[in-house]
Amino acid sequence: MPRTHSGLLVPLRLALRKNHTAIVCTLLEHGAKVEGSFGDKLLLLAFRKENAELVRLLMKRGASLDKVAPWVASRLVQSVVRASARV
């Protein structure tokens, strides 16, 4: 298993899978990168967990909707907008 992105690849993915927003935030603050296809996969994982806060956080850090299927991208944006309205 590759340990790229400052050795934080595995912990970041696990934190996302467990829906631990605070841990994801801490890992990103300490150098975990979410650009490129890895970030796109993480974005999809956050979407599947229905965690709009994680979706926003990953997009703010560089994850992109560019390679995500259009119907998924549309639902991601809708979920972020709904979550923002609740804040």
N, C-alpha and C. Protein backbone atom coordinates (compact mmCIF):
# COMPACT_ATOMS: atom_id res chain seq x y z
N MET A 1 0.86 -1.18 0.00
CA MET A 1 0.00 0.00 0.00
C MET A 1 0.89 1.23 0.00
N PRO A 2 0.72 2.14 -0.97
CA PRO A 2 1.56 3.33 -1.01
C PRO A 2 1.26 4.26 0.16
N ARG A 3 2.31 4.88 0.65
CA ARG A 3 2.14 5.82 1.76
C ARG A 3 2.54 7.21 1.30
N THR A 4 1.91 7.67 0.25
CA THR A 4 2.20 8.98 -0.30
C THR A 4 1.49 10.06 0.50
N HIS A 5 1.59 11.29 0.01
CA HIS A 5 0.94 12.43 0.64
C HIS A 5 1.36 12.55 2.11
N SER A 6 2.66 12.67 2.32
CA SER A 6 3.21 12.85 3.66
C SER A 6 2.89 11.68 4.59
N GLY A 7 2.71 10.49 4.03
CA GLY A 7 2.42 9.32 4.85
C GLY A 7 1.02 9.31 5.44
N LEU A 8 0.15 10.19 4.96
CA LEU A 8 -1.18 10.33 5.55
C LEU A 8 -2.29 9.73 4.70
N LEU A 9 -1.95 9.03 3.64
CA LEU A 9 -2.95 8.46 2.74
C LEU A 9 -3.88 7.51 3.47
N VAL A 10 -3.34 6.55 4.16
CA VAL A 10 -4.16 5.55 4.84
C VAL A 10 -4.97 6.16 5.99
N PRO A 11 -4.38 6.94 6.87
CA PRO A 11 -5.18 7.53 7.96
C PRO A 11 -6.30 8.44 7.44
N LEU A 12 -6.04 9.21 6.39
CA LEU A 12 -7.05 10.10 5.86
C LEU A 12 -8.23 9.31 5.30
N ARG A 13 -7.93 8.29 4.55
CA ARG A 13 -9.01 7.46 3.98
C ARG A 13 -9.82 6.78 5.09
N LEU A 14 -9.14 6.28 6.11
CA LEU A 14 -9.84 5.62 7.21
C LEU A 14 -10.73 6.61 7.98
N ALA A 15 -10.22 7.81 8.21
CA ALA A 15 -11.01 8.82 8.91
C ALA A 15 -12.27 9.17 8.11
N LEU A 16 -12.11 9.26 6.80
CA LEU A 16 -13.28 9.53 5.95
C LEU A 16 -14.27 8.38 6.00
N ARG A 17 -13.77 7.17 5.92
CA ARG A 17 -14.66 6.00 5.95
C ARG A 17 -15.45 5.93 7.25
N LYS A 18 -14.83 6.39 8.35
CA LYS A 18 -15.49 6.36 9.66
C LYS A 18 -16.26 7.65 9.95
N ASN A 19 -16.24 8.60 8.97
CA ASN A 19 -16.99 9.84 9.11
C ASN A 19 -16.46 10.72 10.25
N HIS A 20 -15.16 10.71 10.49
CA HIS A 20 -14.54 11.49 11.57
C HIS A 20 -14.05 12.83 11.02
N THR A 21 -14.94 13.80 10.99
CA THR A 21 -14.63 15.10 10.40
C THR A 21 -13.45 15.77 11.09
N ALA A 22 -13.41 15.75 12.40
CA ALA A 22 -12.33 16.42 13.13
C ALA A 22 -10.97 15.81 12.80
N ILE A 23 -10.92 14.50 12.67
CA ILE A 23 -9.66 13.83 12.35
C ILE A 23 -9.24 14.17 10.92
N VAL A 24 -10.20 14.18 9.99
CA VAL A 24 -9.89 14.56 8.61
C VAL A 24 -9.31 15.97 8.59
N CYS A 25 -9.93 16.88 9.30
CA CYS A 25 -9.46 18.26 9.37
C CYS A 25 -8.02 18.33 9.91
N THR A 26 -7.76 17.60 10.96
CA THR A 26 -6.42 17.58 11.55
C THR A 26 -5.39 17.03 10.57
N LEU A 27 -5.72 15.94 9.88
CA LEU A 27 -4.79 15.37 8.91
C LEU A 27 -4.51 16.34 7.77
N LEU A 28 -5.54 17.04 7.30
CA LEU A 28 -5.34 18.03 6.24
C LEU A 28 -4.46 19.18 6.72
N GLU A 29 -4.65 19.59 7.96
CA GLU A 29 -3.84 20.66 8.52
C GLU A 29 -2.37 20.26 8.65
N HIS A 30 -2.13 18.96 8.75
CA HIS A 30 -0.76 18.46 8.91
C HIS A 30 -0.17 17.91 7.62
N GLY A 31 -0.74 18.28 6.50
CA GLY A 31 -0.08 17.99 5.23
C GLY A 31 -0.71 16.97 4.31
N ALA A 32 -1.81 16.36 4.69
CA ALA A 32 -2.46 15.41 3.78
C ALA A 32 -2.95 16.18 2.57
N LYS A 33 -2.73 15.64 1.40
CA LYS A 33 -3.11 16.29 0.15
C LYS A 33 -4.31 15.59 -0.47
N VAL A 34 -5.17 16.37 -1.11
CA VAL A 34 -6.35 15.77 -1.72
C VAL A 34 -6.49 16.16 -3.19
N GLU A 35 -5.41 16.63 -3.81
CA GLU A 35 -5.46 16.99 -5.21
C GLU A 35 -5.43 15.73 -6.07
N GLY A 36 -5.91 15.84 -7.29
CA GLY A 36 -5.82 14.75 -8.26
C GLY A 36 -6.85 13.66 -8.03
N SER A 37 -6.59 12.51 -8.62
CA SER A 37 -7.58 11.42 -8.58
C SER A 37 -7.81 10.91 -7.16
N PHE A 38 -6.80 10.97 -6.30
CA PHE A 38 -6.98 10.54 -4.92
C PHE A 38 -8.03 11.41 -4.23
N GLY A 39 -7.94 12.72 -4.44
CA GLY A 39 -8.91 13.63 -3.85
C GLY A 39 -10.31 13.42 -4.39
N ASP A 40 -10.39 13.11 -5.69
CA ASP A 40 -11.70 12.84 -6.29
C ASP A 40 -12.34 11.62 -5.64
N LYS A 41 -11.55 10.60 -5.38
CA LYS A 41 -12.07 9.39 -4.73
C LYS A 41 -12.52 9.69 -3.30
N LEU A 42 -11.74 10.52 -2.61
CA LEU A 42 -12.12 10.90 -1.25
C LEU A 42 -13.42 11.70 -1.26
N LEU A 43 -13.57 12.56 -2.26
CA LEU A 43 -14.78 13.35 -2.39
C LEU A 43 -16.00 12.45 -2.57
N LEU A 44 -15.86 11.44 -3.39
CA LEU A 44 -16.96 10.48 -3.59
C LEU A 44 -17.27 9.73 -2.30
N LEU A 45 -16.23 9.38 -1.55
CA LEU A 45 -16.44 8.69 -0.28
C LEU A 45 -17.21 9.57 0.70
N ALA A 46 -16.84 10.84 0.78
CA ALA A 46 -17.54 11.77 1.66
C ALA A 46 -19.00 11.92 1.23
N PHE A 47 -19.22 11.93 -0.08
CA PHE A 47 -20.58 12.03 -0.59
C PHE A 47 -21.39 10.80 -0.20
N ARG A 48 -20.80 9.62 -0.36
CA ARG A 48 -21.51 8.38 0.01
C ARG A 48 -21.86 8.36 1.48
N LYS A 49 -21.04 9.00 2.29
CA LYS A 49 -21.31 9.08 3.73
C LYS A 49 -22.33 10.17 4.05
N GLU A 50 -22.75 10.90 3.01
CA GLU A 50 -23.70 11.99 3.16
C GLU A 50 -23.24 13.03 4.17
N ASN A 51 -21.93 13.31 4.12
CA ASN A 51 -21.34 14.27 5.04
C ASN A 51 -20.95 15.53 4.26
N ALA A 52 -21.88 16.49 4.21
CA ALA A 52 -21.67 17.72 3.45
C ALA A 52 -20.48 18.52 3.98
N GLU A 53 -20.24 18.45 5.28
CA GLU A 53 -19.11 19.17 5.86
C GLU A 53 -17.79 18.63 5.31
N LEU A 54 -17.68 17.30 5.21
CA LEU A 54 -16.47 16.70 4.63
C LEU A 54 -16.35 17.04 3.16
N VAL A 55 -17.46 17.06 2.44
CA VAL A 55 -17.44 17.42 1.02
C VAL A 55 -16.88 18.83 0.87
N ARG A 56 -17.41 19.77 1.64
CA ARG A 56 -16.93 21.17 1.57
C ARG A 56 -15.46 21.26 1.93
N LEU A 57 -15.07 20.56 2.99
CA LEU A 57 -13.68 20.60 3.45
C LEU A 57 -12.73 20.08 2.37
N LEU A 58 -13.06 18.96 1.76
CA LEU A 58 -12.21 18.38 0.72
C LEU A 58 -12.14 19.28 -0.50
N MET A 59 -13.26 19.87 -0.89
CA MET A 59 -13.26 20.76 -2.04
C MET A 59 -12.43 22.02 -1.75
N LYS A 60 -12.51 22.50 -0.54
CA LYS A 60 -11.73 23.68 -0.15
C LYS A 60 -10.22 23.37 -0.22
N ARG A 61 -9.86 22.12 0.04
CA ARG A 61 -8.46 21.71 0.04
C ARG A 61 -7.95 21.21 -1.31
N GLY A 62 -8.82 21.22 -2.33
CA GLY A 62 -8.33 20.89 -3.67
C GLY A 62 -8.99 19.72 -4.37
N ALA A 63 -9.84 18.97 -3.69
CA ALA A 63 -10.56 17.89 -4.38
C ALA A 63 -11.48 18.55 -5.40
N SER A 64 -11.64 17.89 -6.54
CA SER A 64 -12.36 18.52 -7.64
C SER A 64 -13.50 17.65 -8.14
N LEU A 65 -14.53 18.31 -8.63
CA LEU A 65 -15.65 17.61 -9.24
C LEU A 65 -15.39 17.31 -10.72
N ASP A 66 -14.26 17.76 -11.25
CA ASP A 66 -13.98 17.63 -12.67
C ASP A 66 -14.09 16.21 -13.21
N LYS A 67 -13.65 15.24 -12.45
CA LYS A 67 -13.63 13.87 -12.94
C LYS A 67 -14.79 13.03 -12.40
N VAL A 68 -15.68 13.67 -11.66
CA VAL A 68 -16.82 12.98 -11.07
C VAL A 68 -17.96 12.98 -12.08
N ALA A 69 -18.69 11.89 -12.16
CA ALA A 69 -19.83 11.80 -13.08
C ALA A 69 -20.78 12.98 -12.85
N PRO A 70 -21.34 13.53 -13.92
CA PRO A 70 -22.20 14.72 -13.78
C PRO A 70 -23.35 14.57 -12.78
N TRP A 71 -24.01 13.41 -12.73
CA TRP A 71 -25.12 13.24 -11.80
C TRP A 71 -24.63 13.24 -10.36
N VAL A 72 -23.42 12.71 -10.13
CA VAL A 72 -22.85 12.73 -8.78
C VAL A 72 -22.47 14.15 -8.41
N ALA A 73 -21.83 14.85 -9.33
CA ALA A 73 -21.41 16.23 -9.06
C ALA A 73 -22.62 17.08 -8.71
N SER A 74 -23.70 16.92 -9.43
CA SER A 74 -24.91 17.69 -9.17
C SER A 74 -25.45 17.40 -7.77
N ARG A 75 -25.49 16.13 -7.40
CA ARG A 75 -25.99 15.77 -6.06
C ARG A 75 -25.04 16.27 -4.97
N LEU A 76 -23.72 16.25 -5.24
CA LEU A 76 -22.75 16.76 -4.27
C LEU A 76 -23.01 18.24 -4.02
N VAL A 77 -23.16 19.00 -5.08
CA VAL A 77 -23.39 20.43 -4.94
C VAL A 77 -24.69 20.68 -4.18
N GLN A 78 -25.72 19.94 -4.50
CA GLN A 78 -27.00 20.10 -3.81
C GLN A 78 -26.87 19.81 -2.32
N SER A 79 -26.12 18.78 -1.96
CA SER A 79 -25.98 18.45 -0.54
C SER A 79 -25.19 19.51 0.20
N VAL A 80 -24.18 20.09 -0.44
CA VAL A 80 -23.40 21.16 0.19
C VAL A 80 -24.26 22.40 0.37
N VAL A 81 -25.06 22.73 -0.63
CA VAL A 81 -25.93 23.91 -0.54
C VAL A 81 -26.95 23.72 0.58
N ARG A 82 -27.55 22.53 0.67
CA ARG A 82 -28.53 22.27 1.75
C ARG A 82 -27.86 22.40 3.12
N ALA A 83 -26.67 21.84 3.26
CA ALA A 83 -25.98 21.89 4.55
C ALA A 83 -25.62 23.34 4.89
N SER A 84 -25.23 24.12 3.91
CA SER A 84 -24.89 25.52 4.16
C SER A 84 -26.11 26.31 4.61
N ALA A 85 -27.26 25.97 4.08
CA ALA A 85 -28.50 26.67 4.44
C ALA A 85 -28.87 26.40 5.89
N ARG A 86 -28.47 25.25 6.40
CA ARG A 86 -28.80 24.89 7.80
C ARG A 86 -27.91 25.60 8.80
N VAL A 87 -26.76 26.08 8.36
CA VAL A 87 -25.79 26.70 9.27
C VAL A 87 -26.19 28.09 9.64
